[in-house]
Amino acid sequence: MSLLLNHPVKLCFRRPVLVRSSPLVSTCLPQNPPCSIVGAGSWVNCEGKLCVTYADQPDFISLDKMVPWDLVYSNDDTVTIGSSHGWVATLKKDGILRLQDDLNPGASYTDPKRIPLPPLVTLPHCQTQIVTNVSMSTSSPEDEDCVVAVKFLGPQISFCRPAQRNSEWTNIRIENPCFFSSRVMFSKKDEMFLMPGSGGHLIASWELREKSTKLQRLRLRNLPKLSKKKRELLDSCFKSEHLVESRSTGETFLIKWYKKTAKGVSYMKTKALMVFKLDELGNAVYTQDIGDLAIFLSKSEPFCVTASSFPDMSPNKVTLFDVDEVAYVVLTDISPMARVGDGSFTIHTPFHIPPQNIK
């Protein structure tokens, strides 16, 4: 298990490095490294310059791309609810969910795309105002075969195909309460949406053209031996489970993220992270070695890249990004974490953006 300790982070300012293609996206075009949306500044008429930091360097870079205020700082009219493949999902006061590429550094600076989805339909005894996360089956909702999945807090999950004429939602009610606060992801390898249950012992799945929910039971293997003190610490934490797939190796990982309220302040601090590799037999094997991979976990759909595809990017690392914390976990180290964040600031757009083609 990787227990996380405080270490200072040195911040500097450089320009982003352009690199070759990453296996996350099948393309021959060069790509930017993964980046994180820090916010925006230099505001003029409710628009500000997008500010990002790239994963292979600690720079904060202000881009020339102008983004609207309500995407960076949610208000009563617009709430930013998630991100997938660089598309940010917003839910406006009119009840319409939209996908926008305004916060994507790889998208057009002058012609942002805003794609409205069909009006939401709320199933009986469900709600559609609080969203857990959003996932997409392809890199763009404009693709004819793209399916968008929206997981709401509670029993409902909904799917639609935005590019199809007269698109409408397929709504499914999940009976098992262990999935009520879960996050959905898309598996390219299996061509289906997957969602881990609370505790990481179950995975729900939906194939693209089927409405039925399938369940798979996981067996957690090779669990680390913990002292009584460490067990009590983990038991006292807020726990969340996340699935992420490596497109380059075909591997799927289950991540258990443990956070706890810091003493005397009202922000959550990461205390531990556990990574399990899934196999075809339903085993989830604890590991401290994911090879030449780097995992990015935030309010966006999680993703994984090959670290050696980008200069100066460390392998076998998980980068965490939340509203009140940025953390870096090297899985082989007992005290691997460098943390930015002490509760004195809030990141309103804690989204990792996967590698984008350089056009």
Protein backbone atom coordinates (compact mmCIF):
# COMPACT_ATOMS: atom_id res chain seq x y z
CA MET A 1 0.00 0.00 0.00
CA SER A 2 1.19 3.50 -0.72
CA LEU A 3 0.82 5.75 2.32
CA LEU A 4 1.05 9.40 1.37
CA LEU A 5 3.24 11.89 3.16
CA ASN A 6 3.84 15.60 2.72
CA HIS A 7 6.76 16.73 0.56
CA PRO A 8 7.19 20.21 -0.94
CA VAL A 9 6.65 20.73 -4.65
CA LYS A 10 8.85 23.13 -6.59
CA LEU A 11 6.94 25.16 -9.16
CA CYS A 12 8.55 26.74 -12.20
CA PHE A 13 7.47 28.15 -15.55
CA ARG A 14 8.35 26.65 -18.94
CA ARG A 15 6.64 26.04 -22.25
CA PRO A 16 4.92 22.67 -22.93
CA VAL A 17 6.87 19.99 -24.78
CA LEU A 18 5.41 18.50 -27.96
CA VAL A 19 5.83 14.74 -28.28
CA ARG A 20 5.03 11.74 -30.42
CA SER A 21 1.75 9.86 -30.38
CA SER A 22 0.53 8.08 -27.24
CA PRO A 23 -1.20 4.66 -27.45
CA LEU A 24 -4.19 6.12 -25.58
CA VAL A 25 -5.43 7.32 -28.97
CA SER A 26 -4.73 5.38 -32.15
CA THR A 27 -3.17 8.04 -34.36
CA CYS A 28 0.04 8.87 -36.17
CA LEU A 29 -0.21 12.54 -35.20
CA PRO A 30 2.05 13.93 -32.46
CA GLN A 31 0.33 14.79 -29.21
CA ASN A 32 0.58 17.08 -26.24
CA PRO A 33 1.16 15.39 -22.87
CA PRO A 34 -1.81 14.96 -20.52
CA CYS A 35 -2.66 18.20 -18.76
CA SER A 36 -4.70 19.45 -15.82
CA ILE A 37 -7.12 22.37 -15.88
CA VAL A 38 -5.94 24.79 -13.19
CA GLY A 39 -8.41 27.60 -13.92
CA ALA A 40 -8.34 30.85 -15.88
CA GLY A 41 -7.06 34.39 -15.48
CA SER A 42 -6.75 37.80 -17.16
CA TRP A 43 -10.54 38.14 -17.24
CA VAL A 44 -12.16 40.38 -19.85
CA ASN A 45 -15.96 40.54 -20.32
CA CYS A 46 -16.57 37.29 -18.39
CA GLU A 47 -13.89 35.41 -20.35
CA GLY A 48 -10.42 34.47 -19.13
CA LYS A 49 -7.27 32.83 -20.46
CA LEU A 50 -7.21 29.08 -19.85
CA CYS A 51 -4.52 28.00 -17.38
CA VAL A 52 -3.16 24.44 -17.46
CA THR A 53 -0.25 22.40 -16.17
CA TYR A 54 1.25 19.59 -18.25
CA ALA A 55 1.96 16.20 -16.70
CA ASP A 56 5.63 16.01 -17.66
CA GLN A 57 6.52 19.34 -16.05
CA PRO A 58 5.30 21.38 -13.06
CA ASP A 59 4.64 24.55 -15.06
CA PHE A 60 1.48 26.59 -14.82
CA ILE A 61 0.90 27.88 -18.34
CA SER A 62 -1.55 30.60 -19.35
CA LEU A 63 -2.80 29.89 -22.87
CA ASP A 64 -4.26 32.34 -25.35
CA LYS A 65 -7.49 30.36 -25.37
CA MET A 66 -10.37 32.33 -23.82
CA VAL A 67 -12.93 30.40 -21.77
CA PRO A 68 -16.25 31.52 -20.23
CA TRP A 69 -16.53 32.34 -16.54
CA ASP A 70 -19.35 29.88 -15.85
CA LEU A 71 -17.24 26.91 -17.00
CA VAL A 72 -14.45 27.69 -14.56
CA TYR A 73 -16.63 28.90 -11.69
CA SER A 74 -20.03 27.21 -11.63
CA ASN A 75 -22.99 29.45 -10.81
CA ASP A 76 -26.73 29.11 -10.31
CA ASP A 77 -27.30 28.86 -14.07
CA THR A 78 -24.50 26.46 -15.05
CA VAL A 79 -22.86 23.60 -13.13
CA THR A 80 -19.82 21.76 -14.49
CA ILE A 81 -20.42 18.09 -13.69
CA GLY A 82 -17.63 16.09 -15.28
CA SER A 83 -15.35 15.51 -18.25
CA SER A 84 -14.43 12.76 -20.71
CA HIS A 85 -11.84 12.82 -23.52
CA GLY A 86 -11.41 16.57 -23.00
CA TRP A 87 -15.15 17.33 -23.34
CA VAL A 88 -16.60 19.03 -20.27
CA ALA A 89 -20.20 18.27 -19.31
CA THR A 90 -22.38 21.05 -17.96
CA LEU A 91 -25.90 21.01 -16.57
CA LYS A 92 -27.74 24.29 -17.00
CA LYS A 93 -30.78 25.68 -15.22
CA ASP A 94 -32.93 24.62 -18.19
CA GLY A 95 -32.21 20.97 -17.32
CA ILE A 96 -30.25 20.34 -20.52
CA LEU A 97 -26.91 18.57 -20.28
CA ARG A 98 -24.28 19.87 -22.73
CA LEU A 99 -20.85 18.72 -23.84
CA GLN A 100 -18.31 21.48 -24.52
CA ASP A 101 -14.67 21.51 -25.66
CA ASP A 102 -13.90 25.01 -24.31
CA LEU A 103 -11.46 23.68 -21.66
CA ASN A 104 -9.62 21.39 -24.08
CA PRO A 105 -6.25 22.96 -25.03
CA GLY A 106 -6.23 20.82 -28.19
CA ALA A 107 -9.58 22.15 -29.46
CA SER A 108 -10.21 25.28 -31.47
CA TYR A 109 -9.34 28.54 -29.73
CA THR A 110 -11.87 30.56 -31.72
CA ASP A 111 -14.73 28.15 -32.50
CA PRO A 112 -15.65 26.12 -29.39
CA LYS A 113 -18.21 23.35 -29.79
CA ARG A 114 -21.24 23.09 -27.49
CA ILE A 115 -23.40 20.00 -28.06
CA PRO A 116 -26.76 19.78 -26.25
CA LEU A 117 -27.93 16.31 -25.27
CA PRO A 118 -31.59 15.19 -25.22
CA PRO A 119 -33.78 16.40 -22.32
CA LEU A 120 -33.14 14.26 -19.27
CA VAL A 121 -35.78 11.76 -18.18
CA THR A 122 -35.99 10.95 -14.48
CA LEU A 123 -37.01 7.43 -13.55
CA PRO A 124 -39.42 6.89 -10.61
CA HIS A 125 -37.68 7.21 -7.22
CA CYS A 126 -34.53 8.58 -8.92
CA GLN A 127 -33.04 12.06 -9.46
CA THR A 128 -31.16 13.71 -12.35
CA GLN A 129 -29.88 16.92 -10.74
CA ILE A 130 -26.74 15.53 -9.06
CA VAL A 131 -24.35 13.74 -11.42
CA THR A 132 -21.59 11.38 -10.32
CA ASN A 133 -19.67 11.46 -13.61
CA VAL A 134 -19.82 11.28 -17.40
CA SER A 135 -18.17 8.79 -19.78
CA MET A 136 -17.94 8.56 -23.59
CA SER A 137 -17.24 5.54 -25.80
CA THR A 138 -15.23 7.57 -28.35
CA SER A 139 -13.12 10.71 -28.27
CA SER A 140 -15.88 12.94 -29.66
CA PRO A 141 -19.67 13.08 -29.21
CA GLU A 142 -19.84 14.04 -32.89
CA ASP A 143 -18.79 10.50 -33.89
CA GLU A 144 -21.76 8.61 -35.32
CA ASP A 145 -21.21 5.63 -33.02
CA CYS A 146 -20.39 7.59 -29.85
CA VAL A 147 -22.38 6.64 -26.75
CA VAL A 148 -22.48 8.98 -23.76
CA ALA A 149 -23.11 7.53 -20.31
CA VAL A 150 -24.23 9.70 -17.38
CA LYS A 151 -24.23 8.25 -13.88
CA PHE A 152 -26.47 10.10 -11.43
CA LEU A 153 -26.16 9.91 -7.67
CA GLY A 154 -28.56 7.12 -6.75
CA PRO A 155 -29.99 4.27 -8.84
CA GLN A 156 -30.12 5.83 -12.33
CA ILE A 157 -27.66 5.58 -15.20
CA SER A 158 -28.53 6.92 -18.66
CA PHE A 159 -27.11 6.43 -22.17
CA CYS A 160 -27.57 8.29 -25.45
CA ARG A 161 -26.02 8.64 -28.93
CA PRO A 162 -25.65 12.43 -29.49
CA ALA A 163 -24.78 12.24 -33.22
CA GLN A 164 -27.88 10.28 -34.16
CA ARG A 165 -30.97 12.07 -35.38
CA ASN A 166 -33.78 12.18 -32.79
CA SER A 167 -31.42 10.92 -30.13
CA GLU A 168 -33.02 10.01 -26.81
CA TRP A 169 -31.93 8.57 -23.48
CA THR A 170 -31.94 4.93 -22.52
CA ASN A 171 -32.50 4.97 -18.76
CA ILE A 172 -31.64 2.09 -16.44
CA ARG A 173 -32.40 1.74 -12.75
CA ILE A 174 -29.72 -0.10 -10.75
CA GLU A 175 -31.20 -2.01 -7.84
CA ASN A 176 -28.02 -2.75 -5.90
CA PRO A 177 -27.27 0.23 -3.59
CA CYS A 178 -23.51 -0.42 -3.69
CA PHE A 179 -23.53 1.33 -7.11
CA PHE A 180 -25.49 4.44 -6.07
CA SER A 181 -22.36 6.65 -5.75
CA SER A 182 -20.18 4.80 -8.27
CA ARG A 183 -18.42 6.24 -11.32
CA VAL A 184 -18.82 4.79 -14.81
CA MET A 185 -16.03 4.30 -17.38
CA PHE A 186 -15.82 2.90 -20.91
CA SER A 187 -13.68 -0.13 -21.72
CA LYS A 188 -12.40 0.01 -25.29
CA LYS A 189 -11.08 -3.53 -24.99
CA ASP A 190 -14.45 -5.00 -24.01
CA GLU A 191 -16.60 -2.44 -25.88
CA MET A 192 -18.78 -1.86 -22.82
CA PHE A 193 -19.33 0.54 -19.94
CA LEU A 194 -18.07 -0.65 -16.54
CA MET A 195 -18.73 0.58 -13.01
CA PRO A 196 -17.20 -0.64 -9.73
CA GLY A 197 -19.39 -1.12 -6.69
CA SER A 198 -18.58 0.31 -3.28
CA GLY A 199 -15.80 -1.76 -1.71
CA GLY A 200 -14.58 -2.99 -5.10
CA HIS A 201 -16.15 -6.46 -4.90
CA LEU A 202 -18.61 -6.05 -7.79
CA ILE A 203 -18.46 -4.61 -11.31
CA ALA A 204 -21.60 -3.71 -13.26
CA SER A 205 -21.38 -3.64 -17.07
CA TRP A 206 -23.49 -2.58 -20.05
CA GLU A 207 -22.75 -3.48 -23.66
CA LEU A 208 -23.32 -0.75 -26.23
CA ARG A 209 -26.44 -2.27 -27.77
CA GLU A 210 -27.94 -3.98 -24.73
CA LYS A 211 -30.05 -2.54 -21.92
CA SER A 212 -29.49 -5.29 -19.38
CA THR A 213 -27.10 -4.90 -16.46
CA LYS A 214 -24.53 -7.64 -15.94
CA LEU A 215 -22.67 -8.16 -12.68
CA GLN A 216 -19.22 -9.64 -12.12
CA ARG A 217 -17.88 -10.53 -8.69
CA LEU A 218 -14.26 -9.63 -7.95
CA ARG A 219 -11.94 -11.47 -5.58
CA LEU A 220 -9.35 -9.16 -4.01
CA ARG A 221 -6.00 -11.00 -3.97
CA ASN A 222 -2.51 -10.40 -2.57
CA LEU A 223 -3.77 -7.82 -0.07
CA PRO A 224 -0.95 -6.08 1.84
CA LYS A 225 -0.47 -6.92 5.50
CA LEU A 226 -1.44 -3.87 7.53
CA SER A 227 -0.81 -2.96 11.12
CA LYS A 228 -3.79 -2.36 13.39
CA LYS A 229 -3.08 1.37 13.25
CA LYS A 230 -3.12 1.41 9.44
CA ARG A 231 -6.32 -0.65 9.30
CA GLU A 232 -8.02 1.78 11.68
CA LEU A 233 -6.81 4.70 9.55
CA LEU A 234 -8.27 3.21 6.37
CA ASP A 235 -11.52 2.34 8.13
CA SER A 236 -11.89 6.00 9.15
CA CYS A 237 -11.39 7.31 5.59
CA PHE A 238 -13.83 8.22 2.86
CA LYS A 239 -13.33 5.57 0.20
CA SER A 240 -13.94 5.67 -3.54
CA GLU A 241 -13.36 3.04 -6.21
CA HIS A 242 -12.30 3.76 -9.80
CA LEU A 243 -11.66 1.64 -12.89
CA VAL A 244 -9.11 2.63 -15.53
CA GLU A 245 -7.98 0.84 -18.68
CA SER A 246 -4.62 0.94 -20.44
CA ARG A 247 -5.26 1.10 -24.19
CA SER A 248 -1.61 0.22 -24.90
CA THR A 249 -1.41 -2.97 -22.80
CA GLY A 250 -5.08 -3.98 -22.54
CA GLU A 251 -4.86 -4.08 -18.74
CA THR A 252 -7.63 -2.90 -16.42
CA PHE A 253 -6.93 -1.57 -12.94
CA LEU A 254 -9.14 -1.02 -9.90
CA ILE A 255 -8.03 1.91 -7.74
CA LYS A 256 -9.16 2.37 -4.15
CA TRP A 257 -8.68 5.98 -3.04
CA TYR A 258 -8.73 6.80 0.70
CA LYS A 259 -9.25 10.39 1.87
CA LYS A 260 -9.77 11.90 5.30
CA THR A 261 -10.70 15.34 6.58
CA ALA A 262 -7.56 17.14 7.72
CA LYS A 263 -7.38 18.22 11.36
CA GLY A 264 -8.75 21.67 12.02
CA VAL A 265 -9.61 22.40 8.37
CA SER A 266 -12.48 21.53 6.09
CA TYR A 267 -10.71 19.80 3.23
CA MET A 268 -10.06 16.17 2.36
CA LYS A 269 -6.51 14.87 2.36
CA THR A 270 -5.39 11.68 0.61
CA LYS A 271 -4.16 9.10 3.10
CA ALA A 272 -3.66 6.02 0.95
CA LEU A 273 -4.04 4.56 -2.51
CA MET A 274 -4.31 0.90 -3.49
CA VAL A 275 -4.08 -0.41 -7.06
CA PHE A 276 -5.35 -3.81 -8.19
CA LYS A 277 -4.82 -5.44 -11.59
CA LEU A 278 -7.88 -7.27 -12.91
CA ASP A 279 -7.67 -10.59 -14.78
CA GLU A 280 -10.14 -12.56 -16.90
CA LEU A 281 -11.03 -14.87 -13.99
CA GLY A 282 -12.44 -12.12 -11.80
CA ASN A 283 -9.34 -11.67 -9.64
CA ALA A 284 -8.24 -8.19 -8.56
CA VAL A 285 -4.58 -8.60 -7.58
CA TYR A 286 -2.97 -5.88 -5.48
CA THR A 287 0.14 -4.49 -7.16
CA GLN A 288 2.81 -1.86 -6.68
CA ASP A 289 4.08 -2.23 -10.24
CA ILE A 290 2.10 -1.05 -13.27
CA GLY A 291 5.21 -0.92 -15.45
CA ASP A 292 5.67 1.92 -17.93
CA LEU A 293 2.20 3.30 -17.24
CA ALA A 294 0.94 6.50 -15.63
CA ILE A 295 -2.64 6.79 -14.35
CA PHE A 296 -4.57 10.05 -14.11
CA LEU A 297 -7.43 10.23 -11.63
CA SER A 298 -9.64 13.32 -11.21
CA LYS A 299 -13.23 14.43 -11.70
CA SER A 300 -12.74 13.46 -15.36
CA GLU A 301 -13.10 9.92 -16.65
CA PRO A 302 -9.82 8.24 -15.55
CA PHE A 303 -7.25 7.38 -18.20
CA CYS A 304 -3.85 5.73 -18.51
CA VAL A 305 -0.89 6.54 -20.78
CA THR A 306 2.50 5.05 -21.58
CA ALA A 307 4.95 7.22 -19.65
CA SER A 308 7.86 6.69 -22.06
CA SER A 309 5.80 8.33 -24.84
CA PHE A 310 6.42 11.69 -23.15
CA PRO A 311 9.75 13.24 -22.13
CA ASP A 312 10.30 13.63 -18.38
CA MET A 313 7.14 11.72 -17.41
CA SER A 314 7.62 9.21 -14.57
CA PRO A 315 6.25 5.65 -14.96
CA ASN A 316 4.45 3.58 -12.33
CA LYS A 317 2.72 6.69 -10.99
CA VAL A 318 -0.83 7.83 -10.22
CA THR A 319 -1.62 11.55 -10.43
CA LEU A 320 -4.58 12.63 -8.28
CA PHE A 321 -6.49 15.86 -8.88
CA ASP A 322 -9.41 16.99 -6.73
CA VAL A 323 -11.10 20.23 -5.71
CA ASP A 324 -8.77 20.73 -2.75
CA GLU A 325 -5.69 18.65 -3.53
CA VAL A 326 -3.15 17.65 -6.16
CA ALA A 327 -1.15 14.52 -5.30
CA TYR A 328 1.43 12.30 -7.03
CA VAL A 329 1.83 8.68 -5.98
CA VAL A 330 4.80 6.55 -7.10
CA LEU A 331 3.53 3.09 -6.29
CA THR A 332 6.84 1.48 -5.28
CA ASP A 333 7.67 4.01 -2.55
CA ILE A 334 6.39 3.82 1.02
CA SER A 335 6.29 7.63 1.18
CA PRO A 336 5.82 8.56 -2.47
CA MET A 337 3.66 11.62 -2.45
CA ALA A 338 4.20 15.22 -3.33
CA ARG A 339 1.11 17.26 -2.50
CA VAL A 340 -0.03 20.72 -3.54
CA GLY A 341 -2.90 21.99 -1.43
CA ASP A 342 -3.51 22.78 2.22
CA GLY A 343 -7.18 23.69 2.08
CA SER A 344 -6.39 27.35 1.38
CA PHE A 345 -7.63 27.17 -2.23
CA THR A 346 -10.32 25.45 -4.26
CA ILE A 347 -9.90 24.09 -7.78
CA HIS A 348 -13.28 24.48 -9.45
CA THR A 349 -12.33 22.45 -12.54
CA PRO A 350 -10.26 19.48 -11.27
CA PHE A 351 -10.10 17.78 -14.68
CA HIS A 352 -7.26 15.83 -16.26
CA ILE A 353 -7.30 16.11 -20.06
CA PRO A 354 -5.85 13.10 -21.97
CA PRO A 355 -3.25 13.57 -24.75
CA GLN A 356 -4.55 15.66 -27.63
CA ASN A 357 -3.44 15.58 -31.27
CA ILE A 358 -1.27 18.46 -32.40
CA LYS A 359 -2.81 19.66 -35.64
